[in-house]
Amino acid sequence: MTTVEIQYVGGPTSLITLGGIRLLTDPTFDAPGEYTVGTRKLVKTTGPALRPSDLPPVDAVLLSHDHHPDNLDTAGRAWVTSAPLVLSTPSAHGRLGAPVRALPTWEHTEVGDVRVTAVPALHGPKGSEPLVGEVTGFLLSGPGLPKVYVSGDNADLDLVREIADREGPVDVAILFAGAARTPLVPDATLTLTSEQAAQAATVLGARHVVPLHFEHWGHFTQNGPTLTKAFAEAGLTDRLHLLEPGSSVRLS
C-alpha cells in the first residue's frame, strides 16, 4: 500500500497528498482578527503556518462548508476562485458557483486515481441544521491507496457509525475536533469533543488519527492537551498524530 502525507497548515486547513493527488481542506489563510457572523463574532487567534505561495499546486479543494469564516476565511475565499476544482455541498455551489462542484452525500467523483465520496456530517446536535447550515465530510479511496476519512465540521457520532458501517474500516481519520461552542447553539458543541474524537477513532477502526480544527480560533473549548489525554485514557495514544503547524506526517 502507498502512503498518504498530511501537512498541517493551521485551523481546518491541511494539504493531503494521496496517490500523487494534492487535496487542500477548508482554506483559511487570514491573519488573526475578528469576523462578524450575524449577531456573533468569531475570533481568529493565530494565522496559518504556510501561505498559499508556500504550497504546491493543488488538484482539488475539499470544502466542508463555505458559510463560516473559520472554514473559509477572506483570503481562502479569494484563493479558491483560482482553484481547479472545489468539492463541497450543494448549498456552497449555490452561493459560490464555479469552481465549486456540488457533491451530494454518498455521491463520488474521481480526482486522478483518488475517489472522493461525500459523507454525512452535522455541525451540531440533531435538529440544529436550520441554524448551522449544510456541511459535508469526505472519504478518500482508491486501488492500493490508504482509505482516508475527513470529517469536516461533524459533531454527530451516529453519523460516524453510519460511515463506518457503510465504508469502514479506514486507515486514517482526519478529525475536526476542538469542541467548538458559540451562542448559536448554547447547549451543545458544534464539532467533536476530544472524547468523541477518540470514540470516532474506535468506531472507524482507524489505525491513525490526525486532528484538525482544534486550535487557532477563540470558540474552541478543547485543544491539543485534551486530545492527548482523551486518547491516552482510551488506550489509543499510538494512533494519535498531533501535528505542529507547518509540519507533516506520512502514514499508510
C-alpha atoms as a PDB file:
ATOM      1  CA  MET A   1       0.000   0.000   0.000  1.00  0.00           C
ATOM      2  CA  THR A   2       1.196   3.518  -0.777  1.00  0.00           C
ATOM      3  CA  THR A   3       1.223   6.285   1.817  1.00  0.00           C
ATOM      4  CA  VAL A   4      -0.747   9.441   2.473  1.00  0.00           C
ATOM      5  CA  GLU A   5       1.052  12.593   3.545  1.00  0.00           C
ATOM      6  CA  ILE A   6      -0.778  15.207   5.605  1.00  0.00           C
ATOM      7  CA  GLN A   7       0.712  18.658   6.132  1.00  0.00           C
ATOM      8  CA  TYR A   8      -0.940  20.834   8.770  1.00  0.00           C
ATOM      9  CA  VAL A   9      -1.335  24.449   7.633  1.00  0.00           C
ATOM     10  CA  GLY A  10      -3.450  25.661  10.575  1.00  0.00           C
ATOM     11  CA  GLY A  11      -7.039  25.540  11.817  1.00  0.00           C
ATOM     12  CA  PRO A  12      -9.025  23.277   9.455  1.00  0.00           C
ATOM     13  CA  THR A  13      -6.512  23.640   6.642  1.00  0.00           C
ATOM     14  CA  SER A  14      -4.246  20.789   5.599  1.00  0.00           C
ATOM     15  CA  LEU A  15      -2.606  19.543   2.430  1.00  0.00           C
ATOM     16  CA  ILE A  16      -3.322  15.868   1.755  1.00  0.00           C
ATOM     17  CA  THR A  17      -1.149  14.091  -0.821  1.00  0.00           C
ATOM     18  CA  LEU A  18      -2.568  10.721  -1.845  1.00  0.00           C
ATOM     19  CA  GLY A  19      -1.851   8.717  -4.993  1.00  0.00           C
ATOM     20  CA  GLY A  20       0.022  11.670  -6.457  1.00  0.00           C
ATOM     21  CA  ILE A  21      -3.024  13.921  -5.972  1.00  0.00           C
ATOM     22  CA  ARG A  22      -2.909  17.011  -3.756  1.00  0.00           C
ATOM     23  CA  LEU A  23      -6.085  17.963  -1.895  1.00  0.00           C
ATOM     24  CA  LEU A  24      -6.447  21.018   0.348  1.00  0.00           C
ATOM     25  CA  THR A  25      -9.009  21.039   3.160  1.00  0.00           C
ATOM     26  CA  ASP A  26     -11.005  24.156   4.153  1.00  0.00           C
ATOM     27  CA  PRO A  27      -8.704  27.028   3.062  1.00  0.00           C
ATOM     28  CA  THR A  28      -8.054  29.599   5.812  1.00  0.00           C
ATOM     29  CA  PHE A  29      -5.147  31.961   5.161  1.00  0.00           C
ATOM     30  CA  ASP A  30      -6.072  35.171   7.019  1.00  0.00           C
ATOM     31  CA  ALA A  31      -4.029  36.789   9.756  1.00  0.00           C
ATOM     32  CA  PRO A  32      -5.624  36.866  13.243  1.00  0.00           C
ATOM     33  CA  GLY A  33      -8.745  39.017  13.534  1.00  0.00           C
ATOM     34  CA  GLU A  34     -12.478  39.205  14.204  1.00  0.00           C
ATOM     35  CA  TYR A  35     -15.327  38.112  11.935  1.00  0.00           C
ATOM     36  CA  THR A  36     -18.944  39.112  12.358  1.00  0.00           C
ATOM     37  CA  VAL A  37     -21.393  36.268  11.768  1.00  0.00           C
ATOM     38  CA  GLY A  38     -24.930  37.517  12.342  1.00  0.00           C
ATOM     39  CA  THR A  39     -25.000  38.792  15.916  1.00  0.00           C
ATOM     40  CA  ARG A  40     -21.899  36.819  16.864  1.00  0.00           C
ATOM     41  CA  LYS A  41     -18.182  37.396  16.472  1.00  0.00           C
ATOM     42  CA  LEU A  42     -15.665  34.677  15.739  1.00  0.00           C
ATOM     43  CA  VAL A  43     -12.080  35.461  16.697  1.00  0.00           C
ATOM     44  CA  LYS A  44      -9.112  34.023  14.851  1.00  0.00           C
ATOM     45  CA  THR A  45      -6.168  33.947  17.245  1.00  0.00           C
ATOM     46  CA  THR A  46      -3.349  32.598  15.067  1.00  0.00           C
ATOM     47  CA  GLY A  47      -2.532  32.862  11.389  1.00  0.00           C
ATOM     48  CA  PRO A  48      -1.533  29.942   9.154  1.00  0.00           C
ATOM     49  CA  ALA A  49       1.926  28.404   9.263  1.00  0.00           C
ATOM     50  CA  LEU A  50       2.002  28.415   5.468  1.00  0.00           C
ATOM     51  CA  ARG A  51       0.778  30.918   2.908  1.00  0.00           C
ATOM     52  CA  PRO A  52      -0.782  29.894  -0.415  1.00  0.00           C
ATOM     53  CA  SER A  53       2.507  30.758  -2.134  1.00  0.00           C
ATOM     54  CA  ASP A  54       4.257  28.212   0.115  1.00  0.00           C
ATOM     55  CA  LEU A  55       2.080  25.372  -1.156  1.00  0.00           C
ATOM     56  CA  PRO A  56       2.497  23.364  -4.352  1.00  0.00           C
ATOM     57  CA  PRO A  57      -0.306  23.425  -6.923  1.00  0.00           C
ATOM     58  CA  VAL A  58      -3.350  21.503  -5.712  1.00  0.00           C
ATOM     59  CA  ASP A  59      -5.665  19.304  -7.729  1.00  0.00           C
ATOM     60  CA  ALA A  60      -8.805  19.965  -5.708  1.00  0.00           C
ATOM     61  CA  VAL A  61     -10.157  21.575  -2.545  1.00  0.00           C
ATOM     62  CA  LEU A  62     -12.263  19.634  -0.048  1.00  0.00           C
ATOM     63  CA  LEU A  63     -14.524  22.299   1.455  1.00  0.00           C
ATOM     64  CA  SER A  64     -16.711  21.119   4.316  1.00  0.00           C
ATOM     65  CA  HIS A  65     -18.789  24.307   4.061  1.00  0.00           C
ATOM     66  CA  ASP A  66     -18.393  27.887   2.906  1.00  0.00           C
ATOM     67  CA  HIS A  67     -20.639  29.890   5.238  1.00  0.00           C
ATOM     68  CA  HIS A  68     -18.440  30.119   8.348  1.00  0.00           C
ATOM     69  CA  PRO A  69     -15.195  32.116   8.222  1.00  0.00           C
ATOM     70  CA  ASP A  70     -13.307  29.605  10.345  1.00  0.00           C
ATOM     71  CA  ASN A  71     -13.641  27.159   7.443  1.00  0.00           C
ATOM     72  CA  LEU A  72     -13.348  29.600   4.549  1.00  0.00           C
ATOM     73  CA  ASP A  73     -11.966  32.980   5.537  1.00  0.00           C
ATOM     74  CA  THR A  74     -11.454  36.072   3.410  1.00  0.00           C
ATOM     75  CA  ALA A  75      -8.089  35.070   1.938  1.00  0.00           C
ATOM     76  CA  GLY A  76      -9.251  31.498   1.499  1.00  0.00           C
ATOM     77  CA  ARG A  77     -12.366  32.655  -0.321  1.00  0.00           C
ATOM     78  CA  ALA A  78     -10.250  34.697  -2.722  1.00  0.00           C
ATOM     79  CA  TRP A  79      -7.847  31.812  -3.220  1.00  0.00           C
ATOM     80  CA  VAL A  80     -10.495  29.228  -4.163  1.00  0.00           C
ATOM     81  CA  THR A  81     -11.634  31.333  -7.127  1.00  0.00           C
ATOM     82  CA  SER A  82      -8.497  30.160  -8.935  1.00  0.00           C
ATOM     83  CA  ALA A  83      -8.559  26.560  -7.687  1.00  0.00           C
ATOM     84  CA  PRO A  84      -9.034  23.956 -10.429  1.00  0.00           C
ATOM     85  CA  LEU A  85     -11.840  22.201  -8.522  1.00  0.00           C
ATOM     86  CA  VAL A  86     -13.659  22.752  -5.222  1.00  0.00           C
ATOM     87  CA  LEU A  87     -15.818  19.897  -3.931  1.00  0.00           C
ATOM     88  CA  SER A  88     -18.457  20.911  -1.397  1.00  0.00           C
ATOM     89  CA  THR A  89     -22.148  20.929  -0.570  1.00  0.00           C
ATOM     90  CA  PRO A  90     -24.967  21.836  -2.965  1.00  0.00           C
ATOM     91  CA  SER A  91     -25.548  24.910  -0.782  1.00  0.00           C
ATOM     92  CA  ALA A  92     -21.953  26.034  -1.246  1.00  0.00           C
ATOM     93  CA  HIS A  93     -22.289  25.623  -5.010  1.00  0.00           C
ATOM     94  CA  GLY A  94     -25.447  27.721  -4.907  1.00  0.00           C
ATOM     95  CA  ARG A  95     -23.682  30.530  -3.061  1.00  0.00           C
ATOM     96  CA  LEU A  96     -20.258  30.449  -4.717  1.00  0.00           C
ATOM     97  CA  GLY A  97     -20.849  28.986  -8.172  1.00  0.00           C
ATOM     98  CA  ALA A  98     -17.794  27.889 -10.153  1.00  0.00           C
ATOM     99  CA  PRO A  99     -15.314  26.439  -9.403  1.00  0.00           C
ATOM    100  CA  VAL A 100     -17.392  24.760  -6.650  1.00  0.00           C
ATOM    101  CA  ARG A 101     -18.869  21.448  -7.712  1.00  0.00           C
ATOM    102  CA  ALA A 102     -21.725  20.104  -5.614  1.00  0.00           C
ATOM    103  CA  LEU A 103     -21.070  16.616  -4.295  1.00  0.00           C
ATOM    104  CA  PRO A 104     -24.213  15.401  -2.516  1.00  0.00           C
ATOM    105  CA  THR A 105     -23.959  12.892   0.302  1.00  0.00           C
ATOM    106  CA  TRP A 106     -22.807   9.419  -0.821  1.00  0.00           C
ATOM    107  CA  GLU A 107     -22.041  10.591  -4.334  1.00  0.00           C
ATOM    108  CA  HIS A 108     -18.469  10.416  -5.575  1.00  0.00           C
ATOM    109  CA  THR A 109     -16.127  11.771  -8.192  1.00  0.00           C
ATOM    110  CA  GLU A 110     -12.645  10.844  -9.342  1.00  0.00           C
ATOM    111  CA  VAL A 111      -9.686  13.172  -8.940  1.00  0.00           C
ATOM    112  CA  GLY A 112      -6.901  11.356 -10.704  1.00  0.00           C
ATOM    113  CA  ASP A 113      -6.667   7.926  -9.069  1.00  0.00           C
ATOM    114  CA  VAL A 114      -8.442   9.117  -5.923  1.00  0.00           C
ATOM    115  CA  ARG A 115     -12.149   8.541  -5.455  1.00  0.00           C
ATOM    116  CA  VAL A 116     -13.687  11.334  -3.370  1.00  0.00           C
ATOM    117  CA  THR A 117     -17.007  10.396  -1.763  1.00  0.00           C
ATOM    118  CA  ALA A 118     -19.129  12.901   0.137  1.00  0.00           C
ATOM    119  CA  VAL A 119     -20.186  11.524   3.525  1.00  0.00           C
ATOM    120  CA  PRO A 120     -22.734  12.897   6.001  1.00  0.00           C
ATOM    121  CA  ALA A 121     -21.842  15.486   8.638  1.00  0.00           C
ATOM    122  CA  LEU A 122     -23.828  17.532  11.133  1.00  0.00           C
ATOM    123  CA  HIS A 123     -22.349  20.749  12.510  1.00  0.00           C
ATOM    124  CA  GLY A 124     -24.058  20.487  15.894  1.00  0.00           C
ATOM    125  CA  PRO A 125     -26.712  18.446  17.692  1.00  0.00           C
ATOM    126  CA  LYS A 126     -29.584  16.764  15.886  1.00  0.00           C
ATOM    127  CA  GLY A 127     -32.175  19.321  14.841  1.00  0.00           C
ATOM    128  CA  SER A 128     -29.666  22.167  14.521  1.00  0.00           C
ATOM    129  CA  GLU A 129     -29.430  22.012  10.742  1.00  0.00           C
ATOM    130  CA  PRO A 130     -31.538  25.160  10.149  1.00  0.00           C
ATOM    131  CA  LEU A 131     -29.166  27.088  12.439  1.00  0.00           C
ATOM    132  CA  VAL A 132     -25.787  25.658  11.465  1.00  0.00           C
ATOM    133  CA  GLY A 133     -26.347  25.047   7.756  1.00  0.00           C
ATOM    134  CA  GLU A 134     -25.298  22.251   5.433  1.00  0.00           C
ATOM    135  CA  VAL A 135     -21.854  20.679   5.848  1.00  0.00           C
ATOM    136  CA  THR A 136     -20.126  17.610   4.456  1.00  0.00           C
ATOM    137  CA  GLY A 137     -17.308  15.209   5.142  1.00  0.00           C
ATOM    138  CA  PHE A 138     -15.268  13.222   2.647  1.00  0.00           C
ATOM    139  CA  LEU A 139     -13.928   9.720   2.171  1.00  0.00           C
ATOM    140  CA  LEU A 140     -10.829   9.251   0.007  1.00  0.00           C
ATOM    141  CA  SER A 141     -10.084   5.859  -1.508  1.00  0.00           C
ATOM    142  CA  GLY A 142      -8.571   4.089  -4.486  1.00  0.00           C
ATOM    143  CA  PRO A 143      -6.859   0.839  -5.514  1.00  0.00           C
ATOM    144  CA  GLY A 144      -3.764   0.328  -3.395  1.00  0.00           C
ATOM    145  CA  LEU A 145      -4.329   3.601  -1.505  1.00  0.00           C
ATOM    146  CA  PRO A 146      -4.969   4.126   2.196  1.00  0.00           C
ATOM    147  CA  LYS A 147      -8.613   4.893   2.931  1.00  0.00           C
ATOM    148  CA  VAL A 148      -8.854   8.365   4.471  1.00  0.00           C
ATOM    149  CA  TYR A 149     -11.845   9.899   6.254  1.00  0.00           C
ATOM    150  CA  VAL A 150     -12.044  13.701   6.501  1.00  0.00           C
ATOM    151  CA  SER A 151     -14.772  14.542   8.989  1.00  0.00           C
ATOM    152  CA  GLY A 152     -15.352  18.205   8.238  1.00  0.00           C
ATOM    153  CA  ASP A 153     -17.238  20.024  10.990  1.00  0.00           C
ATOM    154  CA  ASN A 154     -19.168  16.990  12.201  1.00  0.00           C
ATOM    155  CA  ALA A 155     -20.356  16.649  15.801  1.00  0.00           C
ATOM    156  CA  ASP A 156     -22.570  13.568  15.436  1.00  0.00           C
ATOM    157  CA  LEU A 157     -21.129  10.154  16.370  1.00  0.00           C
ATOM    158  CA  ASP A 158     -24.189   8.409  14.948  1.00  0.00           C
ATOM    159  CA  LEU A 159     -23.133   9.665  11.521  1.00  0.00           C
ATOM    160  CA  VAL A 160     -19.624   8.364  12.161  1.00  0.00           C
ATOM    161  CA  ARG A 161     -21.150   4.959  12.897  1.00  0.00           C
ATOM    162  CA  GLU A 162     -23.164   5.144   9.667  1.00  0.00           C
ATOM    163  CA  ILE A 163     -19.999   5.915   7.709  1.00  0.00           C
ATOM    164  CA  ALA A 164     -18.122   3.078   9.434  1.00  0.00           C
ATOM    165  CA  ASP A 165     -20.936   0.606   8.745  1.00  0.00           C
ATOM    166  CA  ARG A 166     -21.007   1.554   5.083  1.00  0.00           C
ATOM    167  CA  GLU A 167     -17.355   2.314   4.279  1.00  0.00           C
ATOM    168  CA  GLY A 168     -15.179   1.259   7.226  1.00  0.00           C
ATOM    169  CA  PRO A 169     -12.701   0.493   8.464  1.00  0.00           C
ATOM    170  CA  VAL A 170     -10.487   3.407   7.470  1.00  0.00           C
ATOM    171  CA  ASP A 171      -6.719   3.677   7.614  1.00  0.00           C
ATOM    172  CA  VAL A 172      -6.529   7.368   8.509  1.00  0.00           C
ATOM    173  CA  ALA A 173      -9.145   9.576  10.162  1.00  0.00           C
ATOM    174  CA  ILE A 174      -8.677  13.328   9.865  1.00  0.00           C
ATOM    175  CA  LEU A 175     -10.992  14.572  12.606  1.00  0.00           C
ATOM    176  CA  PHE A 176     -12.122  18.159  13.152  1.00  0.00           C
ATOM    177  CA  ALA A 177     -12.219  18.440  16.930  1.00  0.00           C
ATOM    178  CA  GLY A 178     -11.922  21.256  19.495  1.00  0.00           C
ATOM    179  CA  ALA A 179     -15.468  21.058  20.946  1.00  0.00           C
ATOM    180  CA  ALA A 180     -16.449  24.343  19.319  1.00  0.00           C
ATOM    181  CA  ARG A 181     -19.133  26.352  21.113  1.00  0.00           C
ATOM    182  CA  THR A 182     -20.980  29.525  20.144  1.00  0.00           C
ATOM    183  CA  PRO A 183     -24.171  31.243  21.357  1.00  0.00           C
ATOM    184  CA  LEU A 184     -25.848  29.993  18.188  1.00  0.00           C
ATOM    185  CA  VAL A 185     -26.271  26.592  19.847  1.00  0.00           C
ATOM    186  CA  PRO A 186     -25.528  27.327  23.519  1.00  0.00           C
ATOM    187  CA  ASP A 187     -26.086  23.866  24.977  1.00  0.00           C
ATOM    188  CA  ALA A 188     -24.023  21.686  22.641  1.00  0.00           C
ATOM    189  CA  THR A 189     -20.729  21.535  20.792  1.00  0.00           C
ATOM    190  CA  LEU A 190     -20.508  22.158  17.054  1.00  0.00           C
ATOM    191  CA  THR A 191     -17.519  19.865  16.485  1.00  0.00           C
ATOM    192  CA  LEU A 192     -16.254  16.696  18.133  1.00  0.00           C
ATOM    193  CA  THR A 193     -15.058  16.827  21.715  1.00  0.00           C
ATOM    194  CA  SER A 194     -11.709  15.195  22.444  1.00  0.00           C
ATOM    195  CA  GLU A 195     -13.509  12.225  23.983  1.00  0.00           C
ATOM    196  CA  GLN A 196     -15.768  11.908  20.946  1.00  0.00           C
ATOM    197  CA  ALA A 197     -12.731  12.041  18.653  1.00  0.00           C
ATOM    198  CA  ALA A 198     -11.281   9.043  20.495  1.00  0.00           C
ATOM    199  CA  GLN A 199     -14.632   7.264  20.209  1.00  0.00           C
ATOM    200  CA  ALA A 200     -14.765   8.068  16.484  1.00  0.00           C
ATOM    201  CA  ALA A 201     -11.312   6.538  16.028  1.00  0.00           C
ATOM    202  CA  THR A 202     -12.546   3.311  17.615  1.00  0.00           C
ATOM    203  CA  VAL A 203     -15.803   3.247  15.647  1.00  0.00           C
ATOM    204  CA  LEU A 204     -13.943   3.791  12.370  1.00  0.00           C
ATOM    205  CA  GLY A 205     -11.242   1.247  13.184  1.00  0.00           C
ATOM    206  CA  ALA A 206      -8.763   3.966  12.254  1.00  0.00           C
ATOM    207  CA  ARG A 207      -5.115   2.995  12.637  1.00  0.00           C
ATOM    208  CA  HIS A 208      -4.085   6.652  12.516  1.00  0.00           C
ATOM    209  CA  VAL A 209      -5.838   9.859  13.614  1.00  0.00           C
ATOM    210  CA  VAL A 210      -4.771  13.376  12.633  1.00  0.00           C
ATOM    211  CA  PRO A 211      -6.828  16.085  14.377  1.00  0.00           C
ATOM    212  CA  LEU A 212      -7.546  19.402  12.691  1.00  0.00           C
ATOM    213  CA  HIS A 213      -9.562  22.476  13.653  1.00  0.00           C
ATOM    214  CA  PHE A 214      -8.963  22.284  17.408  1.00  0.00           C
ATOM    215  CA  GLU A 215      -6.948  25.480  17.822  1.00  0.00           C
ATOM    216  CA  HIS A 216      -6.356  28.973  16.405  1.00  0.00           C
ATOM    217  CA  TRP A 217      -9.953  30.175  16.990  1.00  0.00           C
ATOM    218  CA  GLY A 218     -11.465  31.545  20.178  1.00  0.00           C
ATOM    219  CA  HIS A 219     -14.608  29.417  20.117  1.00  0.00           C
ATOM    220  CA  PHE A 220     -12.785  26.133  20.704  1.00  0.00           C
ATOM    221  CA  THR A 221     -13.161  24.862  24.258  1.00  0.00           C
ATOM    222  CA  GLN A 222     -10.709  21.951  23.977  1.00  0.00           C
ATOM    223  CA  ASN A 223      -7.240  21.642  22.475  1.00  0.00           C
ATOM    224  CA  GLY A 224      -4.163  19.510  21.917  1.00  0.00           C
ATOM    225  CA  PRO A 225      -3.646  18.551  25.579  1.00  0.00           C
ATOM    226  CA  THR A 226      -7.268  17.431  25.948  1.00  0.00           C
ATOM    227  CA  LEU A 227      -6.905  15.302  22.806  1.00  0.00           C
ATOM    228  CA  THR A 228      -3.731  13.750  24.157  1.00  0.00           C
ATOM    229  CA  LYS A 229      -5.483  12.983  27.478  1.00  0.00           C
ATOM    230  CA  ALA A 230      -8.623  11.538  25.853  1.00  0.00           C
ATOM    231  CA  PHE A 231      -6.679   9.260  23.522  1.00  0.00           C
ATOM    232  CA  ALA A 232      -4.461   8.103  26.396  1.00  0.00           C
ATOM    233  CA  GLU A 233      -7.491   7.287  28.543  1.00  0.00           C
ATOM    234  CA  ALA A 234      -8.982   5.329  25.629  1.00  0.00           C
ATOM    235  CA  GLY A 235      -5.738   3.393  25.131  1.00  0.00           C
ATOM    236  CA  LEU A 236      -5.234   4.961  21.701  1.00  0.00           C
ATOM    237  CA  THR A 237      -2.093   7.034  22.201  1.00  0.00           C
ATOM    238  CA  ASP A 238      -0.266   5.158  19.451  1.00  0.00           C
ATOM    239  CA  ARG A 239      -2.930   6.155  16.910  1.00  0.00           C
ATOM    240  CA  LEU A 240      -2.834   9.903  17.585  1.00  0.00           C
ATOM    241  CA  HIS A 241      -0.680  12.186  15.429  1.00  0.00           C
ATOM    242  CA  LEU A 242      -0.899  15.695  16.852  1.00  0.00           C
ATOM    243  CA  LEU A 243       0.939  17.869  14.332  1.00  0.00           C
ATOM    244  CA  GLU A 244       2.632  21.194  14.873  1.00  0.00           C
ATOM    245  CA  PRO A 245       1.538  23.884  12.362  1.00  0.00           C
ATOM    246  CA  GLY A 246       3.635  23.572   9.224  1.00  0.00           C
ATOM    247  CA  SER A 247       4.720  20.006   9.957  1.00  0.00           C
ATOM    248  CA  SER A 248       3.653  16.864   8.122  1.00  0.00           C
ATOM    249  CA  VAL A 249       3.285  13.143   8.650  1.00  0.00           C
ATOM    250  CA  ARG A 250       3.386  10.236   6.203  1.00  0.00           C
ATOM    251  CA  LEU A 251       1.049   7.335   7.002  1.00  0.00           C
ATOM    252  CA  SER A 252      -0.006   4.067   5.411  1.00  0.00           C
END
